C-alpha cells in the first residue's frame, strides 16, 4: 500500500509540473528513500508516463500542438537538473546565455555553465554540457534569471549591446522582475548596470 501511495505522490508532483520538466530522484526526497523513488521512476518510465533522458534524468514528455510529435528536451533544463543533483549553483555562460535568452539563434557547440562545483563535462542526447568552476561571488546570490541576463550582457560586450537586444531582454521580465533587478544589482559592474537601467526604463 505504501508503494502505491509513493507512486501516486510522485505522479501528482509530475502532473502539476509543466510539460518538458526534467526530474531527478532527489526532487522527490520528501516522499521516500532514494531506492524506492528510483524504482517508482523506473515503473513510470515503463508505463510511458515519463521518459528517461539519461541515467538518473527523467522528463515529462512535451508534444507539439500542431503535429503531436515529441518535442526534444530543453538542454538548459537538463543542465540545471544535473547541477541540482549535486547541489551546484550554475550560471549560463557566453553563447549559452545568449541562446537561452533568445539573443542568438546560434546553437552552442557546447552548453557552458559557470559553477561553484568541480569541472565536469557530459554528453546527453548528442549535446555537450560543460561546467566550469568559477567563484562568481557577484552572481551567486542573485535570482537565476537576473544572473542569466547579466551573463548574457557580459557576453555581448560593453560596446555591442543593441536596442533590439534591449527589447528582447525587457520582454523576458515581468513588471515586478524589472523593478527587482535594479534592487538586486546595485553593486554590479557599472557598464552592465547602465544596460540594465536602459532595459527597465524602455
N, C-alpha and C. Protein backbone atom coordinates (compact mmCIF):
# COMPACT_ATOMS: atom_id res chain seq x y z
N UNK A 1 0.83 -1.21 0.00
CA UNK A 1 0.00 0.00 0.00
C UNK A 1 0.86 1.25 0.00
N UNK A 2 1.97 1.19 0.77
CA UNK A 2 2.87 2.34 0.86
C UNK A 2 3.51 2.64 -0.48
N UNK A 3 3.88 1.57 -1.22
CA UNK A 3 4.50 1.76 -2.54
C UNK A 3 3.52 2.44 -3.49
N UNK A 4 2.27 2.01 -3.44
CA UNK A 4 1.25 2.63 -4.29
C UNK A 4 1.09 4.10 -3.93
N UNK A 5 1.07 4.41 -2.65
CA UNK A 5 0.94 5.80 -2.22
C UNK A 5 2.12 6.63 -2.68
N UNK A 6 3.32 6.07 -2.57
CA UNK A 6 4.51 6.78 -3.03
C UNK A 6 4.44 7.05 -4.53
N UNK A 7 4.00 6.05 -5.27
CA UNK A 7 3.87 6.20 -6.72
C UNK A 7 2.90 7.30 -7.06
N UNK A 8 1.78 7.34 -6.39
CA UNK A 8 0.77 8.36 -6.66
C UNK A 8 1.27 9.76 -6.28
N UNK A 9 2.02 9.84 -5.20
CA UNK A 9 2.58 11.13 -4.78
C UNK A 9 3.55 11.67 -5.83
N UNK A 10 4.39 10.76 -6.35
CA UNK A 10 5.34 11.16 -7.40
C UNK A 10 4.59 11.59 -8.66
N UNK A 11 3.57 10.81 -9.02
CA UNK A 11 2.76 11.15 -10.20
C UNK A 11 2.08 12.51 -10.03
N UNK A 12 1.61 12.79 -8.84
CA UNK A 12 0.92 14.07 -8.61
C UNK A 12 1.87 15.25 -8.80
N UNK A 13 3.10 15.10 -8.32
CA UNK A 13 4.10 16.17 -8.49
C UNK A 13 4.39 16.37 -9.97
N UNK A 14 4.56 15.28 -10.68
CA UNK A 14 4.85 15.37 -12.12
C UNK A 14 3.66 15.96 -12.87
N UNK A 15 2.46 15.55 -12.51
CA UNK A 15 1.26 16.08 -13.16
C UNK A 15 1.13 17.59 -13.00
N UNK A 16 1.59 18.10 -11.86
CA UNK A 16 1.48 19.53 -11.57
C UNK A 16 2.58 20.35 -12.25
N UNK A 17 3.55 19.67 -12.81
CA UNK A 17 4.67 20.36 -13.47
C UNK A 17 4.33 20.63 -14.94
N UNK A 18 5.11 21.50 -15.54
CA UNK A 18 4.92 21.82 -16.96
C UNK A 18 5.49 20.71 -17.83
N UNK A 19 4.89 20.46 -19.00
CA UNK A 19 5.48 19.51 -19.95
C UNK A 19 6.91 19.94 -20.28
N UNK A 20 7.81 18.98 -20.37
CA UNK A 20 9.21 19.29 -20.64
C UNK A 20 10.05 19.45 -19.38
N UNK A 21 9.40 19.38 -18.21
CA UNK A 21 10.14 19.48 -16.95
C UNK A 21 11.05 18.26 -16.78
N UNK A 22 12.22 18.50 -16.22
CA UNK A 22 13.21 17.44 -16.03
C UNK A 22 13.35 17.15 -14.53
N UNK A 23 13.37 15.88 -14.19
CA UNK A 23 13.40 15.47 -12.79
C UNK A 23 14.59 14.58 -12.47
N UNK A 24 14.99 14.63 -11.21
CA UNK A 24 15.98 13.71 -10.66
C UNK A 24 15.36 13.09 -9.41
N UNK A 25 15.94 12.00 -8.94
CA UNK A 25 15.35 11.29 -7.79
C UNK A 25 15.21 12.18 -6.56
N UNK A 26 16.19 13.04 -6.32
CA UNK A 26 16.16 13.87 -5.10
C UNK A 26 15.04 14.91 -5.13
N UNK A 27 14.43 15.14 -6.29
CA UNK A 27 13.28 16.05 -6.34
C UNK A 27 12.10 15.49 -5.55
N UNK A 28 12.14 14.20 -5.27
CA UNK A 28 11.06 13.53 -4.55
C UNK A 28 11.52 12.99 -3.19
N UNK A 29 12.60 13.56 -2.69
CA UNK A 29 13.23 13.05 -1.47
C UNK A 29 12.32 13.12 -0.25
N UNK A 30 11.34 14.00 -0.28
CA UNK A 30 10.42 14.12 0.86
C UNK A 30 9.34 13.03 0.86
N UNK A 31 9.32 12.21 -0.18
CA UNK A 31 8.29 11.17 -0.30
C UNK A 31 8.79 9.82 0.23
N UNK A 32 10.00 9.45 -0.15
CA UNK A 32 10.53 8.13 0.25
C UNK A 32 12.05 8.15 0.11
N UNK A 33 12.69 7.01 0.42
CA UNK A 33 14.14 6.95 0.27
C UNK A 33 14.51 6.81 -1.21
N UNK A 34 15.79 6.96 -1.49
CA UNK A 34 16.26 7.01 -2.87
C UNK A 34 15.94 5.76 -3.67
N UNK A 35 16.10 4.59 -3.06
CA UNK A 35 15.84 3.33 -3.77
C UNK A 35 14.38 3.21 -4.18
N UNK A 36 13.47 3.57 -3.27
CA UNK A 36 12.04 3.50 -3.57
C UNK A 36 11.67 4.47 -4.69
N UNK A 37 12.24 5.68 -4.61
CA UNK A 37 11.96 6.69 -5.64
C UNK A 37 12.43 6.20 -7.00
N UNK A 38 13.64 5.67 -7.06
CA UNK A 38 14.18 5.21 -8.34
C UNK A 38 13.35 4.07 -8.93
N UNK A 39 12.87 3.17 -8.07
CA UNK A 39 12.03 2.07 -8.55
C UNK A 39 10.72 2.61 -9.12
N UNK A 40 10.16 3.61 -8.47
CA UNK A 40 8.91 4.20 -8.94
C UNK A 40 9.11 4.98 -10.24
N UNK A 41 10.23 5.68 -10.35
CA UNK A 41 10.53 6.40 -11.59
C UNK A 41 10.73 5.43 -12.74
N UNK A 42 11.38 4.30 -12.45
CA UNK A 42 11.57 3.26 -13.47
C UNK A 42 10.22 2.69 -13.91
N UNK A 43 9.33 2.49 -12.94
CA UNK A 43 7.99 1.97 -13.25
C UNK A 43 7.21 2.96 -14.11
N UNK A 44 7.30 4.24 -13.77
CA UNK A 44 6.59 5.27 -14.54
C UNK A 44 7.16 5.40 -15.95
N UNK A 45 8.46 5.12 -16.08
CA UNK A 45 9.08 5.11 -17.41
C UNK A 45 8.54 3.96 -18.25
N UNK A 46 8.44 2.78 -17.64
CA UNK A 46 7.91 1.62 -18.36
C UNK A 46 6.47 1.84 -18.80
N UNK A 47 5.75 2.63 -18.04
CA UNK A 47 4.36 2.91 -18.36
C UNK A 47 4.22 4.11 -19.32
N UNK A 48 5.36 4.67 -19.74
CA UNK A 48 5.40 5.81 -20.66
C UNK A 48 4.77 7.07 -20.07
N UNK A 49 4.74 7.13 -18.74
CA UNK A 49 4.25 8.33 -18.08
C UNK A 49 5.32 9.42 -18.12
N UNK A 50 6.57 9.00 -18.00
CA UNK A 50 7.72 9.89 -18.16
C UNK A 50 8.73 9.19 -19.07
N UNK A 51 9.69 9.95 -19.56
CA UNK A 51 10.77 9.38 -20.38
C UNK A 51 12.10 9.52 -19.66
N UNK A 52 12.97 8.56 -19.88
CA UNK A 52 14.32 8.62 -19.31
C UNK A 52 15.25 9.24 -20.34
N UNK A 53 15.90 10.35 -19.98
CA UNK A 53 16.83 11.03 -20.88
C UNK A 53 18.21 10.37 -20.81
N UNK A 54 18.64 10.15 -19.58
CA UNK A 54 19.95 9.55 -19.32
C UNK A 54 19.89 8.98 -17.92
N UNK A 55 20.98 8.40 -17.46
CA UNK A 55 20.99 7.80 -16.13
C UNK A 55 20.59 8.83 -15.08
N UNK A 56 19.49 8.56 -14.39
CA UNK A 56 19.05 9.43 -13.30
C UNK A 56 18.31 10.68 -13.74
N UNK A 57 18.07 10.86 -15.03
CA UNK A 57 17.39 12.05 -15.54
C UNK A 57 16.10 11.65 -16.26
N UNK A 58 15.00 12.25 -15.83
CA UNK A 58 13.70 11.90 -16.39
C UNK A 58 12.96 13.17 -16.83
N UNK A 59 12.11 13.04 -17.83
CA UNK A 59 11.40 14.20 -18.36
C UNK A 59 9.91 13.91 -18.50
N UNK A 60 9.10 14.91 -18.21
CA UNK A 60 7.68 14.83 -18.50
C UNK A 60 7.52 15.16 -19.98
N UNK A 61 7.05 14.24 -20.80
CA UNK A 61 7.02 14.45 -22.25
C UNK A 61 6.22 15.70 -22.63
N UNK A 62 6.71 16.35 -23.68
CA UNK A 62 6.02 17.51 -24.24
C UNK A 62 5.81 17.26 -25.73
N UNK A 63 4.59 17.47 -26.21
CA UNK A 63 4.26 17.19 -27.59
C UNK A 63 3.82 18.45 -28.33
N UNK A 64 4.16 18.52 -29.59
CA UNK A 64 3.77 19.65 -30.43
C UNK A 64 2.25 19.68 -30.59
N UNK A 65 1.67 20.87 -30.43
CA UNK A 65 0.22 21.02 -30.59
C UNK A 65 -0.19 20.88 -32.06
N UNK A 66 0.75 21.13 -32.96
CA UNK A 66 0.45 21.06 -34.39
C UNK A 66 0.59 19.65 -34.95
N UNK A 67 1.68 18.99 -34.59
CA UNK A 67 1.98 17.68 -35.19
C UNK A 67 1.83 16.52 -34.21
N UNK A 68 1.70 16.84 -32.93
CA UNK A 68 1.62 15.83 -31.86
C UNK A 68 2.91 15.02 -31.75
N UNK A 69 4.00 15.55 -32.32
CA UNK A 69 5.29 14.88 -32.21
C UNK A 69 5.99 15.28 -30.91
N UNK A 70 6.81 14.37 -30.40
CA UNK A 70 7.54 14.62 -29.17
C UNK A 70 8.55 15.76 -29.38
N UNK A 71 8.52 16.75 -28.50
CA UNK A 71 9.46 17.88 -28.58
C UNK A 71 10.75 17.50 -27.86
N UNK A 72 11.91 17.73 -28.49
CA UNK A 72 13.19 17.40 -27.84
C UNK A 72 13.35 18.12 -26.51
N UNK A 73 14.11 17.53 -25.62
CA UNK A 73 14.29 18.13 -24.30
C UNK A 73 15.06 19.45 -24.38
N UNK A 74 14.81 20.31 -23.39
CA UNK A 74 15.49 21.59 -23.25
C UNK A 74 16.83 21.33 -22.55
N UNK A 75 17.93 21.61 -23.24
CA UNK A 75 19.27 21.31 -22.68
C UNK A 75 19.51 22.07 -21.39
N UNK A 76 19.02 23.31 -21.32
CA UNK A 76 19.21 24.10 -20.10
C UNK A 76 18.52 23.46 -18.91
N UNK A 77 17.34 22.89 -19.11
CA UNK A 77 16.65 22.20 -18.01
C UNK A 77 17.42 20.97 -17.56
N UNK A 78 18.02 20.27 -18.52
CA UNK A 78 18.84 19.11 -18.18
C UNK A 78 20.07 19.55 -17.40
N UNK A 79 20.72 20.62 -17.86
CA UNK A 79 21.92 21.13 -17.18
C UNK A 79 21.59 21.55 -15.74
N UNK A 80 20.43 22.17 -15.56
CA UNK A 80 20.03 22.58 -14.22
C UNK A 80 19.69 21.38 -13.33
N UNK A 81 19.11 20.35 -13.93
CA UNK A 81 18.79 19.15 -13.17
C UNK A 81 20.06 18.44 -12.68
N UNK A 82 21.06 18.37 -13.55
CA UNK A 82 22.33 17.77 -13.15
C UNK A 82 22.96 18.56 -12.00
N UNK A 83 22.95 19.88 -12.15
CA UNK A 83 23.52 20.74 -11.10
C UNK A 83 22.74 20.59 -9.79
N UNK A 84 21.43 20.50 -9.91
CA UNK A 84 20.57 20.32 -8.73
C UNK A 84 20.90 19.02 -8.01
N UNK A 85 21.20 18.00 -8.78
CA UNK A 85 21.52 16.69 -8.22
C UNK A 85 22.77 16.74 -7.35
N UNK A 86 23.71 17.59 -7.72
CA UNK A 86 24.97 17.68 -6.98
C UNK A 86 25.05 18.91 -6.07
N UNK A 87 23.99 19.71 -6.08
CA UNK A 87 23.98 20.90 -5.22
C UNK A 87 24.85 22.03 -5.72
N UNK A 88 25.06 22.09 -7.05
CA UNK A 88 25.88 23.15 -7.62
C UNK A 88 25.02 24.36 -7.96
N UNK A 89 25.59 25.53 -7.77
CA UNK A 89 24.99 26.77 -8.25
C UNK A 89 25.59 27.06 -9.62
N UNK A 90 24.76 27.18 -10.66
CA UNK A 90 25.30 27.38 -12.02
C UNK A 90 24.71 28.62 -12.67
N UNK A 91 25.47 29.16 -13.64
CA UNK A 91 25.04 30.32 -14.41
C UNK A 91 25.43 30.09 -15.86
N UNK A 92 24.49 30.18 -16.80
CA UNK A 92 24.85 30.03 -18.21
C UNK A 92 25.92 31.03 -18.61
N UNK A 93 26.83 30.60 -19.47
CA UNK A 93 27.99 31.41 -19.83
C UNK A 93 28.07 31.62 -21.34
N UNK A 94 28.51 32.82 -21.74
CA UNK A 94 28.81 33.10 -23.14
C UNK A 94 27.66 32.85 -24.09
N UNK A 95 27.94 32.09 -25.17
CA UNK A 95 26.96 31.81 -26.21
C UNK A 95 25.74 31.07 -25.64
N UNK A 96 25.96 30.29 -24.61
CA UNK A 96 24.85 29.57 -23.97
C UNK A 96 23.85 30.55 -23.38
N UNK A 97 24.33 31.57 -22.67
CA UNK A 97 23.45 32.57 -22.08
C UNK A 97 22.69 33.32 -23.17
N UNK A 98 23.37 33.67 -24.25
CA UNK A 98 22.73 34.39 -25.35
C UNK A 98 21.64 33.54 -26.00
N UNK A 99 21.92 32.25 -26.18
CA UNK A 99 20.95 31.35 -26.81
C UNK A 99 19.72 31.15 -25.93
N UNK A 100 19.93 30.93 -24.66
CA UNK A 100 18.82 30.69 -23.74
C UNK A 100 17.92 31.92 -23.64
N UNK A 101 18.54 33.09 -23.65
CA UNK A 101 17.77 34.33 -23.51
C UNK A 101 17.10 34.77 -24.80
N UNK A 102 17.48 34.13 -25.91
CA UNK A 102 16.89 34.49 -27.20
C UNK A 102 17.61 35.63 -27.90
N UNK A 103 18.85 35.90 -27.48
CA UNK A 103 19.65 36.96 -28.10
C UNK A 103 20.49 36.42 -29.25
N UNK A 104 20.48 35.12 -29.42
CA UNK A 104 21.20 34.48 -30.52
C UNK A 104 20.48 33.20 -30.91
N UNK A 105 20.38 32.97 -32.21
CA UNK A 105 19.77 31.74 -32.72
C UNK A 105 20.80 30.64 -32.93
N UNK A 106 22.07 30.99 -32.71
CA UNK A 106 23.15 30.03 -32.92
C UNK A 106 23.14 28.99 -31.79
N UNK A 107 23.04 27.73 -32.15
CA UNK A 107 23.07 26.66 -31.16
C UNK A 107 24.52 26.47 -30.71
N UNK A 108 24.79 26.55 -29.42
CA UNK A 108 26.18 26.40 -28.93
C UNK A 108 26.77 25.04 -29.29
N UNK A 109 28.05 25.05 -29.61
CA UNK A 109 28.75 23.78 -29.83
C UNK A 109 28.72 22.96 -28.55
N UNK A 110 28.88 23.66 -27.43
CA UNK A 110 28.75 23.05 -26.11
C UNK A 110 28.01 24.03 -25.22
N UNK A 111 27.11 23.53 -24.41
CA UNK A 111 26.41 24.37 -23.44
C UNK A 111 27.31 24.54 -22.23
N UNK A 112 27.70 25.79 -21.98
CA UNK A 112 28.69 26.06 -20.94
C UNK A 112 28.08 26.81 -19.76
N UNK A 113 28.47 26.38 -18.56
CA UNK A 113 27.95 26.98 -17.34
C UNK A 113 29.08 27.25 -16.36
N UNK A 114 29.05 28.44 -15.75
CA UNK A 114 29.94 28.71 -14.63
C UNK A 114 29.33 28.02 -13.42
N UNK A 115 30.17 27.42 -12.59
CA UNK A 115 29.67 26.60 -11.49
C UNK A 115 30.55 26.76 -10.26
N UNK A 116 29.90 26.62 -9.10
CA UNK A 116 30.69 26.61 -7.86
C UNK A 116 31.12 25.18 -7.53
N UNK A 117 30.79 24.23 -8.41
CA UNK A 117 31.21 22.85 -8.25
C UNK A 117 32.46 22.58 -9.07
N UNK A 118 32.84 21.32 -9.20
CA UNK A 118 34.06 20.97 -9.94
C UNK A 118 33.85 21.06 -11.45
N UNK A 119 34.95 21.01 -12.19
CA UNK A 119 34.87 20.93 -13.65
C UNK A 119 34.26 19.58 -14.02
N UNK A 120 33.23 19.61 -14.85
CA UNK A 120 32.60 18.38 -15.30
C UNK A 120 32.08 18.56 -16.73
N UNK A 121 32.09 17.49 -17.49
CA UNK A 121 31.54 17.51 -18.86
C UNK A 121 30.64 16.29 -19.05
N UNK A 122 29.52 16.52 -19.72
CA UNK A 122 28.56 15.44 -20.00
C UNK A 122 28.14 15.52 -21.47
N UNK A 123 27.85 14.38 -22.05
CA UNK A 123 27.24 14.32 -23.37
C UNK A 123 25.92 13.58 -23.22
N UNK A 124 24.83 14.29 -23.46
CA UNK A 124 23.50 13.74 -23.27
C UNK A 124 22.65 14.02 -24.50
N UNK A 125 22.17 12.97 -25.13
CA UNK A 125 21.33 13.13 -26.32
C UNK A 125 22.03 13.88 -27.44
N UNK A 126 23.35 13.73 -27.52
CA UNK A 126 24.11 14.41 -28.57
C UNK A 126 24.55 15.82 -28.23
N UNK A 127 24.16 16.31 -27.04
CA UNK A 127 24.54 17.67 -26.61
C UNK A 127 25.66 17.58 -25.59
N UNK A 128 26.63 18.49 -25.72
CA UNK A 128 27.72 18.58 -24.76
C UNK A 128 27.40 19.65 -23.72
N UNK A 129 27.53 19.29 -22.46
CA UNK A 129 27.28 20.22 -21.36
C UNK A 129 28.54 20.31 -20.52
N UNK A 130 29.10 21.51 -20.41
CA UNK A 130 30.34 21.71 -19.65
C UNK A 130 30.09 22.62 -18.45
N UNK A 131 30.59 22.20 -17.31
CA UNK A 131 30.54 23.01 -16.09
C UNK A 131 31.96 23.48 -15.79
N UNK A 132 32.11 24.79 -15.67
CA UNK A 132 33.44 25.38 -15.44
C UNK A 132 33.48 26.02 -14.06
N UNK A 133 34.41 25.57 -13.24
CA UNK A 133 34.47 26.07 -11.87
C UNK A 133 34.94 27.53 -11.84
N UNK A 134 34.10 28.38 -11.30
CA UNK A 134 34.45 29.79 -11.09
C UNK A 134 33.80 30.26 -9.79
N UNK A 135 34.46 31.18 -9.12
CA UNK A 135 33.89 31.77 -7.90
C UNK A 135 33.13 33.04 -8.28
N UNK A 136 31.89 32.89 -8.68
CA UNK A 136 31.09 34.03 -9.15
C UNK A 136 30.37 34.71 -7.99
N UNK A 137 31.14 35.38 -7.16
CA UNK A 137 30.57 35.97 -5.95
C UNK A 137 29.54 37.05 -6.26
N UNK A 138 29.69 37.75 -7.40
CA UNK A 138 28.76 38.82 -7.73
C UNK A 138 27.45 38.30 -8.30
N UNK A 139 27.41 37.02 -8.71
CA UNK A 139 26.20 36.47 -9.32
C UNK A 139 25.56 35.35 -8.51
N UNK A 140 26.32 34.70 -7.65
CA UNK A 140 25.83 33.50 -6.97
C UNK A 140 24.58 33.73 -6.13
N UNK A 141 24.43 34.91 -5.57
CA UNK A 141 23.29 35.17 -4.69
C UNK A 141 22.11 35.80 -5.42
N UNK A 142 22.23 35.95 -6.72
CA UNK A 142 21.16 36.58 -7.49
C UNK A 142 20.17 35.53 -7.99
N UNK A 143 18.90 35.95 -8.23
CA UNK A 143 17.94 35.03 -8.85
C UNK A 143 18.48 34.53 -10.18
N UNK A 144 18.10 33.31 -10.58
CA UNK A 144 18.64 32.69 -11.78
C UNK A 144 18.46 33.57 -13.01
N UNK A 145 17.26 34.13 -13.19
CA UNK A 145 17.01 34.93 -14.38
C UNK A 145 17.88 36.18 -14.41
N UNK A 146 18.06 36.81 -13.24
CA UNK A 146 18.91 38.00 -13.16
C UNK A 146 20.35 37.65 -13.53
N UNK A 147 20.86 36.55 -12.98
CA UNK A 147 22.23 36.12 -13.28
C UNK A 147 22.37 35.77 -14.76
N UNK A 148 21.34 35.14 -15.33
CA UNK A 148 21.35 34.80 -16.76
C UNK A 148 21.44 36.06 -17.62
N UNK A 149 20.65 37.06 -17.29
CA UNK A 149 20.64 38.31 -18.06
C UNK A 149 21.99 39.01 -17.97
N UNK A 150 22.56 39.07 -16.78
CA UNK A 150 23.87 39.71 -16.60
C UNK A 150 24.94 38.96 -17.39
N UNK A 151 24.90 37.65 -17.33
CA UNK A 151 25.87 36.84 -18.07
C UNK A 151 25.74 37.07 -19.57
N UNK A 152 24.51 37.19 -20.06
CA UNK A 152 24.28 37.44 -21.49
C UNK A 152 24.79 38.83 -21.89
N UNK A 153 24.54 39.81 -21.06
CA UNK A 153 25.01 41.18 -21.34
C UNK A 153 26.54 41.20 -21.40
N UNK A 154 27.18 40.52 -20.49
CA UNK A 154 28.64 40.44 -20.50
C UNK A 154 29.15 39.74 -21.75
N UNK A 155 28.40 38.74 -22.21
CA UNK A 155 28.79 38.01 -23.43
C UNK A 155 28.70 38.92 -24.65
N UNK A 156 27.72 39.82 -24.67
CA UNK A 156 27.59 40.76 -25.78
C UNK A 156 28.75 41.75 -25.80
N UNK A 157 29.15 42.22 -24.62
CA UNK A 157 30.25 43.18 -24.53
C UNK A 157 29.74 44.60 -24.38
N UNK A 158 30.53 45.43 -23.76
CA UNK A 158 30.12 46.79 -23.41
C UNK A 158 29.69 47.62 -24.61
N UNK A 159 30.36 47.45 -25.74
CA UNK A 159 30.07 48.30 -26.91
C UNK A 159 29.18 47.63 -27.94
N UNK A 160 28.65 46.47 -27.62
CA UNK A 160 27.90 45.71 -28.63
C UNK A 160 26.43 45.45 -28.29
N UNK A 161 25.92 46.13 -27.28
CA UNK A 161 24.52 45.94 -26.90
C UNK A 161 23.64 46.85 -27.75
N UNK A 162 22.76 46.25 -28.55
CA UNK A 162 21.91 46.99 -29.48
C UNK A 162 20.50 47.16 -28.91
N UNK A 163 19.78 48.14 -29.49
CA UNK A 163 18.43 48.45 -29.00
C UNK A 163 17.48 47.26 -29.13
N UNK A 164 17.62 46.49 -30.22
CA UNK A 164 16.73 45.34 -30.39
C UNK A 164 17.02 44.26 -29.33
N UNK A 165 18.29 44.18 -28.90
CA UNK A 165 18.64 43.22 -27.85
C UNK A 165 18.11 43.69 -26.49
N UNK A 166 18.10 45.00 -26.30
CA UNK A 166 17.50 45.57 -25.09
C UNK A 166 16.02 45.18 -25.02
N UNK A 167 15.35 45.25 -26.16
CA UNK A 167 13.92 44.91 -26.22
C UNK A 167 13.69 43.43 -25.90
N UNK A 168 14.58 42.57 -26.40
CA UNK A 168 14.46 41.13 -26.12
C UNK A 168 14.61 40.87 -24.63
N UNK A 169 15.61 41.50 -24.02
CA UNK A 169 15.83 41.32 -22.58
C UNK A 169 14.62 41.80 -21.79
N UNK A 170 14.10 42.96 -22.17
CA UNK A 170 12.94 43.52 -21.47
C UNK A 170 11.73 42.59 -21.56
N UNK A 171 11.58 41.95 -22.72
CA UNK A 171 10.43 41.07 -22.93
C UNK A 171 10.47 39.83 -22.03
N UNK A 172 11.65 39.53 -21.47
CA UNK A 172 11.80 38.36 -20.61
C UNK A 172 11.46 38.67 -19.15
N UNK A 173 11.22 39.94 -18.85
CA UNK A 173 10.99 40.35 -17.47
C UNK A 173 9.55 40.78 -17.25
N UNK A 174 8.96 40.34 -16.15
CA UNK A 174 7.67 40.89 -15.74
C UNK A 174 7.91 42.28 -15.16
N UNK A 175 6.85 43.00 -14.93
CA UNK A 175 6.99 44.35 -14.36
C UNK A 175 7.67 44.30 -13.00
N UNK A 176 7.28 43.33 -12.19
CA UNK A 176 7.89 43.19 -10.86
C UNK A 176 9.36 42.80 -10.94
N UNK A 177 9.68 41.90 -11.89
CA UNK A 177 11.07 41.47 -12.06
C UNK A 177 11.94 42.63 -12.54
N UNK A 178 11.39 43.48 -13.39
CA UNK A 178 12.14 44.63 -13.90
C UNK A 178 12.51 45.58 -12.76
N UNK A 179 11.58 45.76 -11.83
CA UNK A 179 11.86 46.62 -10.68
C UNK A 179 12.88 45.96 -9.75
N UNK A 180 12.71 44.67 -9.55
CA UNK A 180 13.57 43.94 -8.62
C UNK A 180 15.00 43.83 -9.12
N UNK A 181 15.18 43.74 -10.44
CA UNK A 181 16.51 43.52 -10.99
C UNK A 181 17.45 44.68 -10.67
N UNK A 182 16.91 45.89 -10.59
CA UNK A 182 17.75 47.04 -10.24
C UNK A 182 18.12 47.01 -8.75
N UNK A 183 17.20 46.57 -7.92
CA UNK A 183 17.50 46.45 -6.49
C UNK A 183 18.55 45.38 -6.23
N UNK A 184 18.52 44.32 -7.05
CA UNK A 184 19.43 43.19 -6.86
C UNK A 184 20.84 43.44 -7.39
N UNK A 185 20.99 44.48 -8.23
CA UNK A 185 22.27 44.66 -8.93
C UNK A 185 22.90 46.03 -8.68
N UNK A 186 22.73 46.55 -7.49
CA UNK A 186 23.26 47.88 -7.17
C UNK A 186 24.79 47.93 -7.25
N UNK A 187 25.44 46.81 -7.02
CA UNK A 187 26.90 46.80 -6.95
C UNK A 187 27.54 46.01 -8.09
N UNK A 188 26.77 45.79 -9.15
CA UNK A 188 27.30 45.08 -10.30
C UNK A 188 28.20 46.00 -11.11
N UNK A 189 29.00 45.46 -12.02
CA UNK A 189 29.88 46.25 -12.88
C UNK A 189 29.10 47.43 -13.48
N UNK A 190 29.71 48.60 -13.48
CA UNK A 190 28.99 49.84 -13.81
C UNK A 190 28.34 49.80 -15.19
N UNK A 191 29.08 49.35 -16.23
CA UNK A 191 28.50 49.40 -17.57
C UNK A 191 27.34 48.41 -17.72
N UNK A 192 27.42 47.28 -17.01
CA UNK A 192 26.32 46.32 -17.02
C UNK A 192 25.11 46.93 -16.34
N UNK A 193 25.34 47.64 -15.25
CA UNK A 193 24.26 48.31 -14.52
C UNK A 193 23.56 49.32 -15.43
N UNK A 194 24.32 50.04 -16.22
CA UNK A 194 23.73 51.03 -17.13
C UNK A 194 22.84 50.36 -18.17
N UNK A 195 23.27 49.21 -18.67
CA UNK A 195 22.45 48.47 -19.63
C UNK A 195 21.14 48.04 -18.97
N UNK A 196 21.22 47.55 -17.73
CA UNK A 196 20.03 47.11 -17.01
C UNK A 196 19.08 48.29 -16.79
N UNK A 197 19.64 49.45 -16.49
CA UNK A 197 18.81 50.64 -16.30
C UNK A 197 18.09 51.01 -17.58
N UNK A 198 18.78 50.85 -18.70
CA UNK A 198 18.15 51.12 -20.01
C UNK A 198 17.03 50.11 -20.28
N UNK A 199 17.26 48.87 -19.92
CA UNK A 199 16.24 47.84 -20.09
C UNK A 199 14.97 48.20 -19.32
N UNK A 200 15.14 48.60 -18.08
CA UNK A 200 13.99 48.91 -17.22
C UNK A 200 13.29 50.18 -17.66
N UNK A 201 14.05 51.17 -18.11
CA UNK A 201 13.47 52.46 -18.49
C UNK A 201 12.73 52.42 -19.80
N UNK A 202 13.07 51.50 -20.70
CA UNK A 202 12.46 51.44 -22.03
C UNK A 202 10.98 51.11 -21.97
